[in-house]
């Protein structure tokens, strides 16, 4: 897949954005959200195996990240997963996120979470403004209302972020092809 060539040689981290019950409350038992969480757990499993750091972004003053994601994060080595509380939509509004990523030589961030057209998008813009490349997939981000149309969201991301984004729209998770032997991306130590 030529699309994956855009990430070859990059050092990624993954940011889980606002996967809190508060934001999922209207759709938390839907098939879409169950599928979203399953795909996110799949990505976190790859991150664990490959030593890819994971930042968990939580909007402050609201409940914690979904239990199944939090429980899985406990499997990571100390220092390879960290929770960052933010007070704005943009995850980079937490002044500790950028240095944490830079300390791990990260130059690109994979985005998972809700809401695709608010906090996830604002975090992608924050990544661009902090010189990080972003990548995501329609099956890793979601809006929990009727406004979620994958193609519409994809266009908005591409218009806003341009060359600083790889946006997959097929049903394959953005990491699957990247981690095959012939398309390996650099891991952080």
N, C-alpha and C. Protein backbone atom coordinates (compact mmCIF):
# COMPACT_ATOMS: atom_id res chain seq x y z
N UNK A 1 0.83 -1.19 0.00
CA UNK A 1 0.00 0.00 0.00
C UNK A 1 0.87 1.25 0.00
N UNK A 2 0.90 2.00 -1.08
CA UNK A 2 1.74 3.19 -1.15
C UNK A 2 1.42 4.22 -0.08
N UNK A 3 0.18 4.27 0.38
CA UNK A 3 -0.21 5.24 1.39
C UNK A 3 0.63 5.11 2.65
N UNK A 4 1.02 3.90 3.01
CA UNK A 4 1.79 3.68 4.22
C UNK A 4 3.21 4.22 4.12
N UNK A 5 3.70 4.43 2.92
CA UNK A 5 5.06 4.92 2.76
C UNK A 5 5.26 6.28 3.42
N UNK A 6 4.19 7.02 3.61
CA UNK A 6 4.29 8.33 4.25
C UNK A 6 4.77 8.25 5.70
N UNK A 7 4.63 7.09 6.35
CA UNK A 7 5.04 6.97 7.75
C UNK A 7 6.34 6.20 7.95
N UNK A 8 6.86 5.61 6.91
CA UNK A 8 8.09 4.86 7.04
C UNK A 8 9.19 5.80 7.53
N UNK A 9 9.92 5.36 8.54
CA UNK A 9 11.01 6.16 9.10
C UNK A 9 10.57 7.13 10.18
N UNK A 10 9.30 7.19 10.49
CA UNK A 10 8.82 8.08 11.55
C UNK A 10 8.83 7.35 12.89
N UNK A 11 8.87 8.12 13.97
CA UNK A 11 8.81 7.57 15.32
C UNK A 11 7.48 7.98 15.93
N UNK A 12 6.54 7.03 16.02
CA UNK A 12 5.19 7.40 16.46
C UNK A 12 4.94 7.25 17.96
N UNK A 13 3.90 7.92 18.37
CA UNK A 13 3.23 7.68 19.65
C UNK A 13 1.75 7.69 19.32
N UNK A 14 0.94 7.23 20.24
CA UNK A 14 -0.51 7.24 20.05
C UNK A 14 -1.12 8.09 21.15
N UNK A 15 -2.09 8.92 20.76
CA UNK A 15 -2.83 9.73 21.72
C UNK A 15 -4.28 9.27 21.73
N UNK A 16 -4.75 8.86 22.90
CA UNK A 16 -6.14 8.47 23.10
C UNK A 16 -6.85 9.71 23.63
N UNK A 17 -7.77 10.26 22.82
CA UNK A 17 -8.36 11.56 23.11
C UNK A 17 -9.79 11.41 23.64
N UNK A 18 -9.99 11.80 24.88
CA UNK A 18 -11.32 11.96 25.49
C UNK A 18 -12.23 10.74 25.40
N UNK A 19 -11.68 9.55 25.52
CA UNK A 19 -12.52 8.35 25.53
C UNK A 19 -13.13 8.17 26.92
N UNK A 20 -13.90 9.18 27.34
CA UNK A 20 -14.52 9.23 28.65
C UNK A 20 -16.02 8.98 28.50
N UNK A 21 -16.60 8.32 29.50
CA UNK A 21 -18.03 8.01 29.45
C UNK A 21 -18.88 9.25 29.20
N UNK A 22 -18.47 10.38 29.74
CA UNK A 22 -19.25 11.61 29.55
C UNK A 22 -19.47 11.90 28.07
N UNK A 23 -18.41 11.78 27.27
CA UNK A 23 -18.50 12.08 25.85
C UNK A 23 -19.19 10.97 25.06
N UNK A 24 -19.21 9.77 25.63
CA UNK A 24 -19.82 8.63 24.95
C UNK A 24 -21.23 8.34 25.46
N UNK A 25 -21.72 9.14 26.38
CA UNK A 25 -22.96 8.84 27.11
C UNK A 25 -24.17 8.56 26.22
N UNK A 26 -24.30 9.26 25.11
CA UNK A 26 -25.48 9.06 24.27
C UNK A 26 -25.36 7.87 23.34
N UNK A 27 -24.15 7.34 23.21
CA UNK A 27 -23.94 6.24 22.25
C UNK A 27 -23.14 5.10 22.85
N UNK A 28 -22.92 5.09 24.15
CA UNK A 28 -21.96 4.15 24.73
C UNK A 28 -22.31 2.68 24.55
N UNK A 29 -23.57 2.35 24.37
CA UNK A 29 -23.95 0.96 24.15
C UNK A 29 -24.19 0.64 22.68
N UNK A 30 -23.89 1.58 21.80
CA UNK A 30 -24.13 1.36 20.38
C UNK A 30 -23.07 0.42 19.79
N UNK A 31 -23.43 -0.20 18.70
CA UNK A 31 -22.49 -1.07 17.99
C UNK A 31 -21.29 -0.28 17.49
N UNK A 32 -21.51 0.97 17.09
CA UNK A 32 -20.42 1.81 16.59
C UNK A 32 -19.36 2.03 17.66
N UNK A 33 -19.80 2.33 18.89
CA UNK A 33 -18.85 2.60 19.96
C UNK A 33 -18.15 1.31 20.39
N UNK A 34 -18.86 0.20 20.42
CA UNK A 34 -18.22 -1.08 20.73
C UNK A 34 -17.14 -1.40 19.70
N UNK A 35 -17.45 -1.17 18.43
CA UNK A 35 -16.47 -1.40 17.36
C UNK A 35 -15.28 -0.45 17.52
N UNK A 36 -15.55 0.82 17.80
CA UNK A 36 -14.50 1.81 18.00
C UNK A 36 -13.54 1.38 19.10
N UNK A 37 -14.08 0.97 20.23
CA UNK A 37 -13.24 0.56 21.36
C UNK A 37 -12.47 -0.71 21.02
N UNK A 38 -13.08 -1.65 20.34
CA UNK A 38 -12.36 -2.86 19.92
C UNK A 38 -11.17 -2.51 19.03
N UNK A 39 -11.38 -1.61 18.07
CA UNK A 39 -10.29 -1.19 17.18
C UNK A 39 -9.21 -0.46 17.97
N UNK A 40 -9.61 0.38 18.91
CA UNK A 40 -8.63 1.10 19.71
C UNK A 40 -7.81 0.14 20.57
N UNK A 41 -8.46 -0.87 21.14
CA UNK A 41 -7.74 -1.87 21.93
C UNK A 41 -6.76 -2.64 21.05
N UNK A 42 -7.16 -2.90 19.82
CA UNK A 42 -6.27 -3.55 18.86
C UNK A 42 -5.00 -2.71 18.63
N UNK A 43 -5.18 -1.41 18.44
CA UNK A 43 -4.05 -0.50 18.25
C UNK A 43 -3.19 -0.46 19.50
N UNK A 44 -3.81 -0.38 20.67
CA UNK A 44 -3.04 -0.36 21.92
C UNK A 44 -2.25 -1.65 22.09
N UNK A 45 -2.82 -2.76 21.64
CA UNK A 45 -2.07 -4.03 21.68
C UNK A 45 -0.82 -3.98 20.83
N UNK A 46 -0.93 -3.39 19.66
CA UNK A 46 0.24 -3.23 18.79
C UNK A 46 1.25 -2.30 19.44
N UNK A 47 0.76 -1.22 20.05
CA UNK A 47 1.66 -0.28 20.75
C UNK A 47 2.42 -0.98 21.87
N UNK A 48 1.73 -1.82 22.63
CA UNK A 48 2.37 -2.55 23.71
C UNK A 48 3.45 -3.48 23.16
N UNK A 49 3.12 -4.24 22.14
CA UNK A 49 4.07 -5.18 21.54
C UNK A 49 5.27 -4.47 20.92
N UNK A 50 5.02 -3.34 20.27
CA UNK A 50 6.07 -2.65 19.53
C UNK A 50 6.79 -1.56 20.33
N UNK A 51 6.39 -1.36 21.57
CA UNK A 51 7.04 -0.35 22.41
C UNK A 51 6.70 1.09 22.02
N UNK A 52 5.52 1.29 21.44
CA UNK A 52 5.09 2.62 21.03
C UNK A 52 4.42 3.30 22.23
N UNK A 53 4.87 4.50 22.61
CA UNK A 53 4.28 5.18 23.76
C UNK A 53 2.85 5.63 23.50
N UNK A 54 2.07 5.71 24.58
CA UNK A 54 0.67 6.09 24.50
C UNK A 54 0.39 7.20 25.51
N UNK A 55 -0.14 8.30 25.01
CA UNK A 55 -0.60 9.38 25.86
C UNK A 55 -2.12 9.33 25.93
N UNK A 56 -2.67 9.33 27.13
CA UNK A 56 -4.11 9.30 27.34
C UNK A 56 -4.53 10.71 27.72
N UNK A 57 -5.34 11.34 26.87
CA UNK A 57 -5.78 12.71 27.12
C UNK A 57 -7.18 12.70 27.69
N UNK A 58 -7.35 13.35 28.82
CA UNK A 58 -8.67 13.42 29.47
C UNK A 58 -9.04 14.88 29.68
N UNK A 59 -10.28 15.18 29.32
CA UNK A 59 -10.79 16.53 29.58
C UNK A 59 -11.03 16.64 31.07
N UNK A 60 -10.43 17.64 31.70
CA UNK A 60 -10.48 17.80 33.15
C UNK A 60 -11.88 18.06 33.69
N UNK A 61 -12.11 17.60 34.91
CA UNK A 61 -13.37 17.84 35.57
C UNK A 61 -14.47 16.89 35.15
N UNK A 62 -14.14 15.96 34.29
CA UNK A 62 -15.11 14.98 33.81
C UNK A 62 -14.58 13.61 34.25
N UNK A 63 -15.35 12.58 34.06
CA UNK A 63 -14.91 11.26 34.51
C UNK A 63 -13.68 10.76 33.75
N UNK A 64 -13.15 9.64 34.17
CA UNK A 64 -11.92 9.05 33.63
C UNK A 64 -12.17 8.38 32.27
N UNK A 65 -11.07 8.01 31.63
CA UNK A 65 -11.12 7.25 30.38
C UNK A 65 -11.84 5.93 30.61
N UNK A 66 -12.51 5.43 29.58
CA UNK A 66 -13.27 4.18 29.68
C UNK A 66 -12.45 3.09 30.37
N UNK A 67 -13.12 2.33 31.21
CA UNK A 67 -12.47 1.31 32.04
C UNK A 67 -11.68 0.31 31.20
N UNK A 68 -12.24 -0.19 30.11
CA UNK A 68 -11.53 -1.21 29.33
C UNK A 68 -10.24 -0.67 28.73
N UNK A 69 -10.20 0.60 28.36
CA UNK A 69 -8.97 1.20 27.84
C UNK A 69 -7.98 1.44 28.97
N UNK A 70 -8.48 1.92 30.11
CA UNK A 70 -7.61 2.15 31.28
C UNK A 70 -6.99 0.85 31.77
N UNK A 71 -7.80 -0.20 31.85
CA UNK A 71 -7.30 -1.50 32.30
C UNK A 71 -6.22 -2.02 31.37
N UNK A 72 -6.42 -1.86 30.07
CA UNK A 72 -5.42 -2.34 29.12
C UNK A 72 -4.12 -1.55 29.27
N UNK A 73 -4.24 -0.26 29.52
CA UNK A 73 -3.05 0.60 29.65
C UNK A 73 -2.16 0.17 30.82
N UNK A 74 -2.72 -0.53 31.77
CA UNK A 74 -1.92 -1.01 32.91
C UNK A 74 -0.86 -2.03 32.49
N UNK A 75 -1.00 -2.61 31.32
CA UNK A 75 -0.03 -3.59 30.82
C UNK A 75 1.26 -2.94 30.33
N UNK A 76 1.25 -1.64 30.10
CA UNK A 76 2.42 -0.97 29.54
C UNK A 76 3.51 -0.79 30.59
N UNK A 77 4.77 -0.81 30.14
CA UNK A 77 5.86 -0.52 31.07
C UNK A 77 5.74 0.90 31.62
N UNK A 78 6.21 1.09 32.82
CA UNK A 78 6.16 2.41 33.43
C UNK A 78 6.88 3.41 32.52
N UNK A 79 6.27 4.53 32.31
CA UNK A 79 6.86 5.57 31.48
C UNK A 79 6.45 5.51 30.02
N UNK A 80 5.87 4.39 29.60
CA UNK A 80 5.47 4.27 28.19
C UNK A 80 3.99 4.60 27.98
N UNK A 81 3.29 4.85 29.07
CA UNK A 81 1.91 5.34 28.98
C UNK A 81 1.74 6.40 30.06
N UNK A 82 1.08 7.48 29.69
CA UNK A 82 0.90 8.57 30.66
C UNK A 82 -0.42 9.27 30.37
N UNK A 83 -1.11 9.66 31.45
CA UNK A 83 -2.36 10.39 31.33
C UNK A 83 -2.08 11.88 31.47
N UNK A 84 -2.68 12.65 30.58
CA UNK A 84 -2.56 14.11 30.59
C UNK A 84 -3.96 14.70 30.70
N UNK A 85 -4.17 15.52 31.71
CA UNK A 85 -5.46 16.19 31.87
C UNK A 85 -5.36 17.53 31.14
N UNK A 86 -6.39 17.82 30.36
CA UNK A 86 -6.41 19.07 29.60
C UNK A 86 -7.66 19.86 29.97
N UNK A 87 -7.59 21.16 29.78
CA UNK A 87 -8.72 22.03 30.10
C UNK A 87 -9.34 22.63 28.84
N UNK A 88 -8.74 22.32 27.69
CA UNK A 88 -9.23 22.82 26.41
C UNK A 88 -9.34 21.63 25.46
N UNK A 89 -9.96 21.85 24.31
CA UNK A 89 -10.12 20.78 23.33
C UNK A 89 -8.77 20.23 22.86
N UNK A 90 -7.81 21.09 22.65
CA UNK A 90 -6.50 20.70 22.14
C UNK A 90 -5.67 20.02 23.23
N UNK A 91 -5.30 18.77 22.99
CA UNK A 91 -4.50 18.03 23.96
C UNK A 91 -3.16 18.69 24.25
N UNK A 92 -2.63 19.44 23.29
CA UNK A 92 -1.36 20.12 23.48
C UNK A 92 -1.49 21.35 24.38
N UNK A 93 -2.71 21.64 24.83
CA UNK A 93 -2.88 22.71 25.82
C UNK A 93 -2.29 22.28 27.17
N UNK A 94 -2.10 20.98 27.37
CA UNK A 94 -1.38 20.50 28.55
C UNK A 94 0.11 20.66 28.26
N UNK A 95 0.77 21.52 29.00
CA UNK A 95 2.16 21.88 28.72
C UNK A 95 3.14 20.71 28.88
N UNK A 96 2.70 19.61 29.45
CA UNK A 96 3.60 18.47 29.67
C UNK A 96 3.58 17.46 28.52
N UNK A 97 2.59 17.55 27.63
CA UNK A 97 2.48 16.56 26.55
C UNK A 97 3.64 16.66 25.56
N UNK A 98 3.90 17.84 25.06
CA UNK A 98 4.96 18.01 24.06
C UNK A 98 6.32 17.52 24.59
N UNK A 99 6.77 17.96 25.78
CA UNK A 99 8.06 17.46 26.27
C UNK A 99 8.09 15.95 26.47
N UNK A 100 6.98 15.36 26.91
CA UNK A 100 6.92 13.91 27.09
C UNK A 100 7.14 13.21 25.75
N UNK A 101 6.49 13.72 24.70
CA UNK A 101 6.67 13.14 23.37
C UNK A 101 8.09 13.35 22.87
N UNK A 102 8.63 14.55 23.03
CA UNK A 102 9.99 14.85 22.56
C UNK A 102 11.03 14.01 23.31
N UNK A 103 10.82 13.77 24.61
CA UNK A 103 11.75 12.93 25.38
C UNK A 103 11.82 11.51 24.82
N UNK A 104 10.81 11.11 24.09
CA UNK A 104 10.75 9.77 23.48
C UNK A 104 11.08 9.82 21.99
N UNK A 105 11.59 10.96 21.53
CA UNK A 105 11.97 11.17 20.12
C UNK A 105 10.82 10.98 19.15
N UNK A 106 9.61 11.21 19.60
CA UNK A 106 8.42 11.06 18.76
C UNK A 106 8.35 12.22 17.77
N UNK A 107 8.00 11.90 16.52
CA UNK A 107 7.79 12.94 15.53
C UNK A 107 6.42 12.85 14.85
N UNK A 108 5.63 11.84 15.25
CA UNK A 108 4.29 11.69 14.68
C UNK A 108 3.37 11.07 15.72
N UNK A 109 2.09 11.47 15.66
CA UNK A 109 1.12 10.97 16.63
C UNK A 109 -0.07 10.37 15.93
N UNK A 110 -0.45 9.17 16.38
CA UNK A 110 -1.67 8.53 15.92
C UNK A 110 -2.79 8.96 16.85
N UNK A 111 -3.93 9.31 16.27
CA UNK A 111 -5.04 9.84 17.06
C UNK A 111 -6.19 8.85 17.12
N UNK A 112 -6.64 8.58 18.34
CA UNK A 112 -7.79 7.72 18.60
C UNK A 112 -8.72 8.52 19.51
N UNK A 113 -10.03 8.46 19.30
CA UNK A 113 -10.89 9.09 20.29
C UNK A 113 -12.14 9.75 19.76
N UNK A 114 -12.73 10.56 20.62
CA UNK A 114 -13.94 11.32 20.34
C UNK A 114 -13.68 12.75 20.80
N UNK A 115 -14.36 13.65 20.36
CA UNK A 115 -15.20 13.75 19.19
C UNK A 115 -14.34 14.15 18.01
N UNK A 116 -14.57 13.49 16.88
CA UNK A 116 -13.70 13.64 15.71
C UNK A 116 -13.61 15.06 15.22
N UNK A 117 -14.69 15.81 15.30
CA UNK A 117 -14.66 17.17 14.76
C UNK A 117 -14.43 18.24 15.83
N UNK A 118 -14.03 17.84 17.01
CA UNK A 118 -13.76 18.81 18.07
C UNK A 118 -12.40 18.49 18.70
N UNK A 119 -12.37 17.76 19.79
CA UNK A 119 -11.12 17.52 20.52
C UNK A 119 -10.07 16.77 19.71
N UNK A 120 -10.48 15.79 18.93
CA UNK A 120 -9.49 15.04 18.13
C UNK A 120 -8.91 15.96 17.07
N UNK A 121 -9.75 16.71 16.37
CA UNK A 121 -9.27 17.63 15.35
C UNK A 121 -8.40 18.73 15.97
N UNK A 122 -8.83 19.30 17.08
CA UNK A 122 -8.04 20.35 17.73
C UNK A 122 -6.68 19.82 18.19
N UNK A 123 -6.64 18.56 18.64
CA UNK A 123 -5.37 17.95 19.03
C UNK A 123 -4.49 17.73 17.80
N UNK A 124 -5.08 17.36 16.67
CA UNK A 124 -4.31 17.22 15.43
C UNK A 124 -3.73 18.57 15.01
N UNK A 125 -4.51 19.63 15.15
CA UNK A 125 -4.01 20.97 14.84
C UNK A 125 -2.88 21.34 15.81
N UNK A 126 -3.07 21.01 17.08
CA UNK A 126 -2.02 21.24 18.07
C UNK A 126 -0.76 20.47 17.74
N UNK A 127 -0.92 19.25 17.24
CA UNK A 127 0.25 18.45 16.83
C UNK A 127 0.98 19.16 15.70
N UNK A 128 0.24 19.61 14.71
CA UNK A 128 0.86 20.33 13.58
C UNK A 128 1.59 21.57 14.08
N UNK A 129 0.95 22.33 14.95
CA UNK A 129 1.57 23.56 15.47
C UNK A 129 2.81 23.29 16.32
N UNK A 130 2.93 22.07 16.81
CA UNK A 130 4.11 21.67 17.60
C UNK A 130 5.05 20.79 16.79
N UNK A 131 4.89 20.81 15.46
CA UNK A 131 5.78 20.12 14.52
C UNK A 131 5.71 18.60 14.59
N UNK A 132 4.53 18.05 14.87
CA UNK A 132 4.31 16.61 14.82
C UNK A 132 3.43 16.31 13.62
N UNK A 133 3.69 15.19 12.99
CA UNK A 133 2.85 14.66 11.92
C UNK A 133 1.73 13.86 12.58
N UNK A 134 0.53 13.87 12.01
CA UNK A 134 -0.60 13.13 12.60
C UNK A 134 -1.09 12.05 11.64
N UNK A 135 -1.63 10.99 12.21
CA UNK A 135 -2.28 9.97 11.40
C UNK A 135 -3.43 9.38 12.19
N UNK A 136 -4.48 9.01 11.48
CA UNK A 136 -5.65 8.43 12.11
C UNK A 136 -6.43 7.65 11.06
N UNK A 137 -7.56 7.14 11.47
CA UNK A 137 -8.40 6.33 10.59
C UNK A 137 -9.85 6.53 11.00
N UNK A 138 -10.74 6.39 10.04
CA UNK A 138 -12.16 6.57 10.35
C UNK A 138 -12.67 5.55 11.35
N UNK A 139 -11.98 4.44 11.52
CA UNK A 139 -12.44 3.46 12.49
C UNK A 139 -11.77 3.62 13.86
N UNK A 140 -11.02 4.72 14.05
CA UNK A 140 -10.37 4.98 15.33
C UNK A 140 -10.86 6.25 16.00
N UNK A 141 -11.62 7.06 15.26
CA UNK A 141 -12.19 8.29 15.80
C UNK A 141 -13.69 8.30 15.52
N UNK A 142 -14.42 9.10 16.28
CA UNK A 142 -15.88 9.05 16.17
C UNK A 142 -16.50 10.31 16.75
N UNK A 143 -17.66 10.67 16.23
CA UNK A 143 -18.53 11.66 16.85
C UNK A 143 -19.73 10.91 17.38
N UNK A 144 -20.12 11.18 18.58
CA UNK A 144 -21.23 10.45 19.19
C UNK A 144 -22.57 11.13 18.93
N UNK A 145 -22.70 11.76 17.80
CA UNK A 145 -23.98 12.32 17.40
C UNK A 145 -24.19 12.06 15.91
N UNK A 146 -25.28 12.50 15.40
CA UNK A 146 -25.61 12.18 14.00
C UNK A 146 -24.78 12.96 13.00
N UNK A 147 -23.89 13.82 13.45
CA UNK A 147 -23.09 14.61 12.51
C UNK A 147 -21.87 13.86 11.99
N UNK A 148 -21.65 12.64 12.45
CA UNK A 148 -20.44 11.93 12.04
C UNK A 148 -20.62 11.28 10.67
N UNK A 149 -19.95 11.83 9.71
CA UNK A 149 -19.91 11.27 8.37
C UNK A 149 -18.43 11.15 8.01
N UNK A 150 -17.89 9.93 7.94
CA UNK A 150 -16.45 9.75 7.75
C UNK A 150 -15.85 10.57 6.61
N UNK A 151 -16.50 10.63 5.46
CA UNK A 151 -15.93 11.36 4.34
C UNK A 151 -15.89 12.86 4.61
N UNK A 152 -16.92 13.38 5.27
CA UNK A 152 -16.97 14.80 5.61
C UNK A 152 -15.84 15.14 6.60
N UNK A 153 -15.67 14.29 7.60
CA UNK A 153 -14.61 14.51 8.59
C UNK A 153 -13.24 14.41 7.93
N UNK A 154 -13.06 13.43 7.05
CA UNK A 154 -11.78 13.26 6.34
C UNK A 154 -11.45 14.53 5.55
N UNK A 155 -12.40 15.07 4.82
CA UNK A 155 -12.16 16.30 4.04
C UNK A 155 -11.76 17.45 4.96
N UNK A 156 -12.44 17.57 6.08
CA UNK A 156 -12.13 18.66 7.01
C UNK A 156 -10.71 18.52 7.55
N UNK A 157 -10.30 17.31 7.91
CA UNK A 157 -8.94 17.08 8.40
C UNK A 157 -7.93 17.42 7.32
N UNK A 158 -8.17 16.94 6.11
CA UNK A 158 -7.22 17.18 5.02
C UNK A 158 -7.12 18.67 4.68
N UNK A 159 -8.24 19.38 4.70
CA UNK A 159 -8.22 20.82 4.42
C UNK A 159 -7.48 21.57 5.52
N UNK A 160 -7.65 21.16 6.75
CA UNK A 160 -7.06 21.86 7.89
C UNK A 160 -5.58 21.52 8.05
N UNK A 161 -5.20 20.27 7.83
CA UNK A 161 -3.85 19.82 8.17
C UNK A 161 -2.95 19.57 6.96
N UNK A 162 -3.52 19.40 5.79
CA UNK A 162 -2.72 19.23 4.58
C UNK A 162 -1.70 18.11 4.69
N UNK A 163 -0.44 18.46 4.43
CA UNK A 163 0.64 17.47 4.40
C UNK A 163 1.05 16.95 5.77
N UNK A 164 0.48 17.49 6.83
CA UNK A 164 0.83 17.04 8.18
C UNK A 164 -0.06 15.89 8.65
N UNK A 165 -0.79 15.25 7.73
CA UNK A 165 -1.76 14.25 8.11
C UNK A 165 -1.80 13.10 7.12
N UNK A 166 -1.92 11.90 7.66
CA UNK A 166 -2.27 10.71 6.89
C UNK A 166 -3.61 10.25 7.44
N UNK A 167 -4.63 10.27 6.61
CA UNK A 167 -5.98 9.91 7.06
C UNK A 167 -6.44 8.72 6.24
N UNK A 168 -6.60 7.58 6.91
CA UNK A 168 -7.08 6.37 6.25
C UNK A 168 -8.60 6.35 6.31
N UNK A 169 -9.23 5.85 5.27
CA UNK A 169 -10.69 5.76 5.30
C UNK A 169 -11.19 4.35 5.07
N UNK A 170 -10.30 3.40 4.91
CA UNK A 170 -10.77 2.03 4.73
C UNK A 170 -10.99 1.38 6.08
N UNK A 171 -11.43 0.16 6.08
CA UNK A 171 -11.74 -0.53 7.33
C UNK A 171 -10.50 -1.10 8.01
N UNK A 172 -9.34 -0.93 7.41
CA UNK A 172 -8.14 -1.46 8.05
C UNK A 172 -7.53 -0.40 8.95
N UNK A 173 -7.17 -0.80 10.11
CA UNK A 173 -6.57 0.09 11.08
C UNK A 173 -5.27 0.66 10.53
N UNK A 174 -4.99 1.89 10.84
CA UNK A 174 -3.83 2.59 10.31
C UNK A 174 -2.51 1.89 10.65
N UNK A 175 -2.45 1.11 11.71
CA UNK A 175 -1.20 0.48 12.12
C UNK A 175 -0.93 -0.86 11.45
N UNK A 176 -1.94 -1.53 10.96
CA UNK A 176 -1.76 -2.91 10.51
C UNK A 176 -0.67 -3.06 9.46
N UNK A 177 -0.74 -2.30 8.39
CA UNK A 177 0.27 -2.40 7.34
C UNK A 177 1.60 -1.81 7.75
N UNK A 178 1.58 -0.88 8.68
CA UNK A 178 2.81 -0.20 9.07
C UNK A 178 3.77 -1.13 9.78
N UNK A 179 3.27 -2.10 10.47
CA UNK A 179 4.13 -2.90 11.33
C UNK A 179 4.53 -4.23 10.72
N UNK A 180 4.19 -4.44 9.46
CA UNK A 180 4.71 -5.62 8.77
C UNK A 180 6.21 -5.41 8.58
N UNK A 181 6.95 -6.49 8.46
CA UNK A 181 8.41 -6.40 8.36
C UNK A 181 8.88 -5.47 7.26
N UNK A 182 8.20 -5.45 6.12
CA UNK A 182 8.66 -4.64 5.00
C UNK A 182 8.25 -3.17 5.12
N UNK A 183 7.48 -2.83 6.11
CA UNK A 183 7.02 -1.45 6.27
C UNK A 183 7.21 -0.97 7.71
N UNK A 184 8.20 -1.47 8.38
CA UNK A 184 8.39 -1.17 9.80
C UNK A 184 8.69 0.30 10.03
N UNK A 185 8.04 0.87 11.02
CA UNK A 185 8.34 2.23 11.44
C UNK A 185 9.26 2.15 12.64
N UNK A 186 10.03 3.19 12.86
CA UNK A 186 10.94 3.19 14.00
C UNK A 186 10.16 3.22 15.30
N UNK A 187 10.67 2.49 16.24
CA UNK A 187 10.07 2.48 17.58
C UNK A 187 10.90 3.36 18.50
N UNK A 188 10.24 3.86 19.55
CA UNK A 188 10.99 4.62 20.54
C UNK A 188 11.59 3.64 21.54
N UNK A 189 12.66 4.05 22.20
CA UNK A 189 13.26 3.15 23.19
C UNK A 189 12.78 3.48 24.57
